[in-house]
């Protein structure tokens, strides 16, 4: 086994900084160890020291451990100025609808399209597709024995984008509620108790549209396999009922 080279800390730290500056994603200490040829323990110690040094010096950037790796971030104190600057040239900034949909998926994952629609009250298929293109949302599988509806969840890029080590660091949604009534509403939504009634409303809306449009509605909503949106709504209603019973 080849011996790992022992670097002086004054040499290793600048090298780590250079590697982190050209990395788009968070980088595990083990990967940085392979890139530098240093021992993983030395790299981990150097990263922790760099993080502390930046913090003590109150630099405009920070080195933080997120999503199983290390990444450089701008200092939170300059969030507003940096956000204004970035959004002035970023053509892919998240819309209000995208932020709402992303929040639903993050706090209720794994969740189906119908689950997202039940909570937001509007069709979110296009928004979900956009979030997938941005790498913030991914398919996590399919519901077993419930129509095989696709389940969606967040990605590692989502954690990095919002500076989180894991989903456990998501702040409680109740913290953003303006009053106790709103807090109770959020708790009910996330527990699934209100999902069934909302999905029933979705199914009723589809039935109303069918009556108004007649045969044209069937042509519009039927898929290649002959399934319909109403079938999906019914399957999602069964799904929500099972979650509430649990």
Protein backbone atom coordinates (compact mmCIF):
# COMPACT_ATOMS: atom_id res chain seq x y z
CA UNK A 1 0.00 0.00 0.00
CA UNK A 2 1.39 3.38 -1.01
CA UNK A 3 2.22 5.69 1.89
CA UNK A 4 0.28 8.94 1.93
CA UNK A 5 2.37 12.08 1.76
CA UNK A 6 2.39 14.19 4.92
CA UNK A 7 1.91 17.87 4.14
CA UNK A 8 2.76 20.81 6.32
CA UNK A 9 -0.52 22.50 7.26
CA UNK A 10 0.61 25.74 5.66
CA UNK A 11 0.93 23.89 2.37
CA UNK A 12 -2.20 21.74 2.65
CA UNK A 13 -4.63 24.54 3.48
CA UNK A 14 -3.96 26.67 0.38
CA UNK A 15 -4.25 23.54 -1.75
CA UNK A 16 -7.61 22.70 -0.20
CA UNK A 17 -8.79 26.26 -0.79
CA UNK A 18 -7.82 26.02 -4.46
CA UNK A 19 -9.71 22.74 -4.87
CA UNK A 20 -12.80 24.04 -3.11
CA UNK A 21 -12.87 27.17 -5.24
CA UNK A 22 -13.21 25.15 -8.45
CA UNK A 23 -15.77 22.71 -7.03
CA UNK A 24 -19.43 23.26 -7.91
CA UNK A 25 -20.69 20.82 -5.27
CA UNK A 26 -19.76 20.00 -1.70
CA UNK A 27 -16.68 17.74 -1.60
CA UNK A 28 -16.21 14.96 0.98
CA UNK A 29 -12.97 15.06 2.97
CA UNK A 30 -12.09 11.61 1.63
CA UNK A 31 -12.26 12.90 -1.94
CA UNK A 32 -10.08 15.87 -1.09
CA UNK A 33 -7.65 13.47 0.55
CA UNK A 34 -7.36 11.50 -2.68
CA UNK A 35 -6.87 14.71 -4.68
CA UNK A 36 -4.13 16.01 -2.38
CA UNK A 37 -2.50 12.72 -1.47
CA UNK A 38 -2.76 13.61 2.22
CA UNK A 39 -4.21 11.42 4.92
CA UNK A 40 -8.00 11.78 5.41
CA UNK A 41 -7.47 12.72 9.05
CA UNK A 42 -5.10 15.53 8.11
CA UNK A 43 -7.54 16.84 5.52
CA UNK A 44 -10.47 16.75 7.94
CA UNK A 45 -8.43 18.63 10.56
CA UNK A 46 -7.23 21.22 8.03
CA UNK A 47 -10.80 21.82 6.80
CA UNK A 48 -12.06 22.31 10.34
CA UNK A 49 -9.20 24.74 11.05
CA UNK A 50 -9.89 26.69 7.86
CA UNK A 51 -13.55 26.95 8.80
CA UNK A 52 -12.65 28.30 12.24
CA UNK A 53 -10.08 30.72 10.81
CA UNK A 54 -12.59 32.21 8.36
CA UNK A 55 -15.12 32.57 11.15
CA UNK A 56 -12.67 34.21 13.57
CA UNK A 57 -11.50 36.64 10.89
CA UNK A 58 -15.10 37.49 9.93
CA UNK A 59 -14.36 36.94 6.26
CA UNK A 60 -16.94 37.51 3.55
CA UNK A 61 -17.16 33.76 2.99
CA UNK A 62 -17.43 30.66 5.15
CA UNK A 63 -16.36 27.04 4.85
CA UNK A 64 -19.17 24.75 5.97
CA UNK A 65 -19.83 21.02 6.06
CA UNK A 66 -23.05 20.29 4.15
CA UNK A 67 -24.58 17.26 2.41
CA UNK A 68 -21.70 15.02 3.48
CA UNK A 69 -18.96 17.30 2.19
CA UNK A 70 -17.30 20.72 2.44
CA UNK A 71 -18.15 23.82 0.44
CA UNK A 72 -17.43 27.55 0.44
CA UNK A 73 -20.39 29.85 1.05
CA UNK A 74 -20.87 33.60 1.16
CA UNK A 75 -21.28 35.04 4.66
CA UNK A 76 -24.95 35.18 5.80
CA UNK A 77 -24.48 38.81 6.82
CA UNK A 78 -24.28 39.75 3.14
CA UNK A 79 -27.16 37.55 2.02
CA UNK A 80 -29.40 40.39 0.79
CA UNK A 81 -26.68 42.11 -1.23
CA UNK A 82 -25.45 38.84 -2.74
CA UNK A 83 -29.02 37.72 -3.54
CA UNK A 84 -29.80 40.99 -5.30
CA UNK A 85 -26.60 40.75 -7.29
CA UNK A 86 -27.09 37.11 -8.31
CA UNK A 87 -30.77 37.47 -9.16
CA UNK A 88 -29.95 40.42 -11.37
CA UNK A 89 -28.24 38.08 -13.84
CA UNK A 90 -29.55 34.60 -12.98
CA UNK A 91 -32.19 33.59 -15.57
CA UNK A 92 -33.06 30.44 -13.62
CA UNK A 93 -34.17 31.98 -10.34
CA UNK A 94 -37.04 30.22 -8.59
CA UNK A 95 -40.51 31.65 -9.01
CA UNK A 96 -43.01 31.89 -6.17
CA UNK A 97 -44.79 28.80 -7.52
CA UNK A 98 -41.48 26.91 -7.63
CA UNK A 99 -40.63 27.87 -4.06
CA UNK A 100 -44.07 26.77 -2.85
CA UNK A 101 -43.83 23.44 -4.67
CA UNK A 102 -40.29 22.85 -3.46
CA UNK A 103 -41.38 23.52 0.12
CA UNK A 104 -44.25 21.02 -0.18
CA UNK A 105 -41.93 18.33 -1.53
CA UNK A 106 -39.19 19.06 1.02
CA UNK A 107 -41.50 18.84 4.03
CA UNK A 108 -43.83 16.09 2.78
CA UNK A 109 -41.47 13.78 0.84
CA UNK A 110 -41.86 11.30 -0.61
CA UNK A 111 -44.98 12.78 -2.20
CA UNK A 112 -46.89 12.27 -5.45
CA UNK A 113 -47.99 14.91 -7.95
CA UNK A 114 -51.53 14.60 -6.63
CA UNK A 115 -50.22 15.08 -3.11
CA UNK A 116 -48.54 18.33 -4.13
CA UNK A 117 -51.68 19.47 -5.94
CA UNK A 118 -53.83 18.67 -2.92
CA UNK A 119 -51.70 20.89 -0.68
CA UNK A 120 -51.14 23.79 -3.12
CA UNK A 121 -54.63 23.66 -4.62
CA UNK A 122 -53.36 23.93 -8.22
CA UNK A 123 -51.77 21.66 -10.79
CA UNK A 124 -48.00 21.64 -10.22
CA UNK A 125 -46.79 19.24 -12.93
CA UNK A 126 -44.98 21.93 -14.91
CA UNK A 127 -43.34 23.36 -11.80
CA UNK A 128 -42.17 19.90 -10.68
CA UNK A 129 -40.67 19.31 -14.13
CA UNK A 130 -38.79 22.62 -13.87
CA UNK A 131 -37.47 21.75 -10.41
CA UNK A 132 -36.24 18.41 -11.75
CA UNK A 133 -34.40 20.18 -14.57
CA UNK A 134 -32.70 22.41 -11.99
CA UNK A 135 -31.61 19.31 -10.05
CA UNK A 136 -33.53 20.24 -6.90
CA UNK A 137 -36.13 17.45 -7.12
CA UNK A 138 -35.82 13.81 -8.13
CA UNK A 139 -37.96 10.71 -8.57
CA UNK A 140 -37.69 8.49 -5.50
CA UNK A 141 -39.71 5.55 -6.75
CA UNK A 142 -43.36 4.59 -7.16
CA UNK A 143 -46.26 3.98 -4.82
CA UNK A 144 -46.69 0.24 -4.33
CA UNK A 145 -50.14 -1.13 -5.18
CA UNK A 146 -51.59 2.37 -5.51
CA UNK A 147 -51.43 3.06 -9.22
CA UNK A 148 -47.62 3.17 -9.24
CA UNK A 149 -47.74 6.97 -8.93
CA UNK A 150 -44.28 8.58 -9.05
CA UNK A 151 -42.93 9.71 -5.69
CA UNK A 152 -40.81 12.88 -5.55
CA UNK A 153 -38.20 14.06 -3.07
CA UNK A 154 -35.37 16.56 -2.83
CA UNK A 155 -31.78 16.06 -3.95
CA UNK A 156 -28.30 16.59 -2.60
CA UNK A 157 -28.20 19.77 -4.69
CA UNK A 158 -31.20 21.00 -2.71
CA UNK A 159 -29.25 20.55 0.53
CA UNK A 160 -26.27 22.39 -0.90
CA UNK A 161 -28.41 25.20 -2.32
CA UNK A 162 -29.92 25.92 1.08
CA UNK A 163 -26.80 25.16 3.15
CA UNK A 164 -28.16 22.09 4.96
CA UNK A 165 -26.27 19.03 6.17
CA UNK A 166 -29.42 16.90 6.00
CA UNK A 167 -33.20 17.21 5.90
CA UNK A 168 -33.20 17.10 9.70
CA UNK A 169 -31.91 20.69 9.61
CA UNK A 170 -35.04 21.97 7.85
CA UNK A 171 -36.59 24.57 10.16
CA UNK A 172 -40.04 23.62 11.50
CA UNK A 173 -42.70 25.10 9.26
CA UNK A 174 -44.59 26.20 12.33
CA UNK A 175 -41.83 28.74 12.99
CA UNK A 176 -43.08 30.70 9.99
CA UNK A 177 -46.74 30.68 11.00
CA UNK A 178 -48.13 34.09 12.04
CA UNK A 179 -50.62 32.71 14.59
CA UNK A 180 -51.77 29.57 16.39
CA UNK A 181 -54.51 28.85 13.86
CA UNK A 182 -51.94 28.77 11.06
CA UNK A 183 -49.70 26.50 13.12
CA UNK A 184 -52.57 24.06 13.64
CA UNK A 185 -53.32 24.14 9.91
CA UNK A 186 -49.70 23.32 9.05
CA UNK A 187 -49.62 20.43 11.52
CA UNK A 188 -52.78 18.96 10.00
CA UNK A 189 -51.49 19.34 6.46
CA UNK A 190 -48.19 17.63 7.19
CA UNK A 191 -49.86 14.84 9.16
CA UNK A 192 -52.07 14.01 6.16
CA UNK A 193 -55.37 14.38 8.02
CA UNK A 194 -56.58 17.07 5.64
CA UNK A 195 -55.25 15.38 2.51
CA UNK A 196 -58.24 13.08 1.99
CA UNK A 197 -60.86 15.83 1.91
CA UNK A 198 -58.72 17.95 -0.42
CA UNK A 199 -58.23 15.07 -2.83
CA UNK A 200 -61.97 14.48 -2.82
CA UNK A 201 -62.39 18.08 -3.96
CA UNK A 202 -59.86 17.47 -6.75
CA UNK A 203 -61.85 14.44 -7.91
CA UNK A 204 -65.12 16.43 -7.82
CA UNK A 205 -63.54 19.19 -9.92
CA UNK A 206 -62.52 16.64 -12.55
CA UNK A 207 -66.06 15.20 -12.60
CA UNK A 208 -67.48 18.71 -13.14
CA UNK A 209 -65.09 19.29 -16.02
CA UNK A 210 -66.14 16.00 -17.60
CA UNK A 211 -69.81 16.99 -17.49
CA UNK A 212 -69.08 20.35 -19.13
CA UNK A 213 -66.74 19.08 -21.86
CA UNK A 214 -68.22 15.68 -22.61
CA UNK A 215 -66.23 13.55 -25.06
CA UNK A 216 -63.63 16.30 -25.55
CA UNK A 217 -62.63 15.93 -21.89
CA UNK A 218 -62.05 12.19 -22.25
CA UNK A 219 -59.78 12.78 -25.27
CA UNK A 220 -57.77 15.42 -23.38
CA UNK A 221 -57.19 13.57 -20.13
CA UNK A 222 -56.79 9.96 -21.25
CA UNK A 223 -53.21 8.78 -21.37
CA UNK A 224 -51.53 6.37 -23.71
CA UNK A 225 -52.43 3.51 -21.41
CA UNK A 226 -56.09 4.55 -21.26
CA UNK A 227 -55.88 5.81 -17.69
CA UNK A 228 -57.45 9.13 -16.74
CA UNK A 229 -56.75 11.95 -14.36
CA UNK A 230 -59.79 10.95 -12.36
CA UNK A 231 -58.27 7.51 -11.86
CA UNK A 232 -55.12 9.18 -10.56
CA UNK A 233 -57.14 11.32 -8.19
CA UNK A 234 -58.96 8.26 -6.87
CA UNK A 235 -55.69 6.41 -6.39
CA UNK A 236 -54.20 9.40 -4.56
CA UNK A 237 -57.33 9.53 -2.36
CA UNK A 238 -56.77 5.91 -1.36
CA UNK A 239 -53.14 6.81 -0.68
CA UNK A 240 -54.08 9.72 1.57
CA UNK A 241 -56.61 7.60 3.45
CA UNK A 242 -53.95 5.00 4.17
CA UNK A 243 -51.56 7.67 5.47
CA UNK A 244 -54.23 9.15 7.73
CA UNK A 245 -55.09 5.73 9.15
CA UNK A 246 -51.46 5.13 9.96
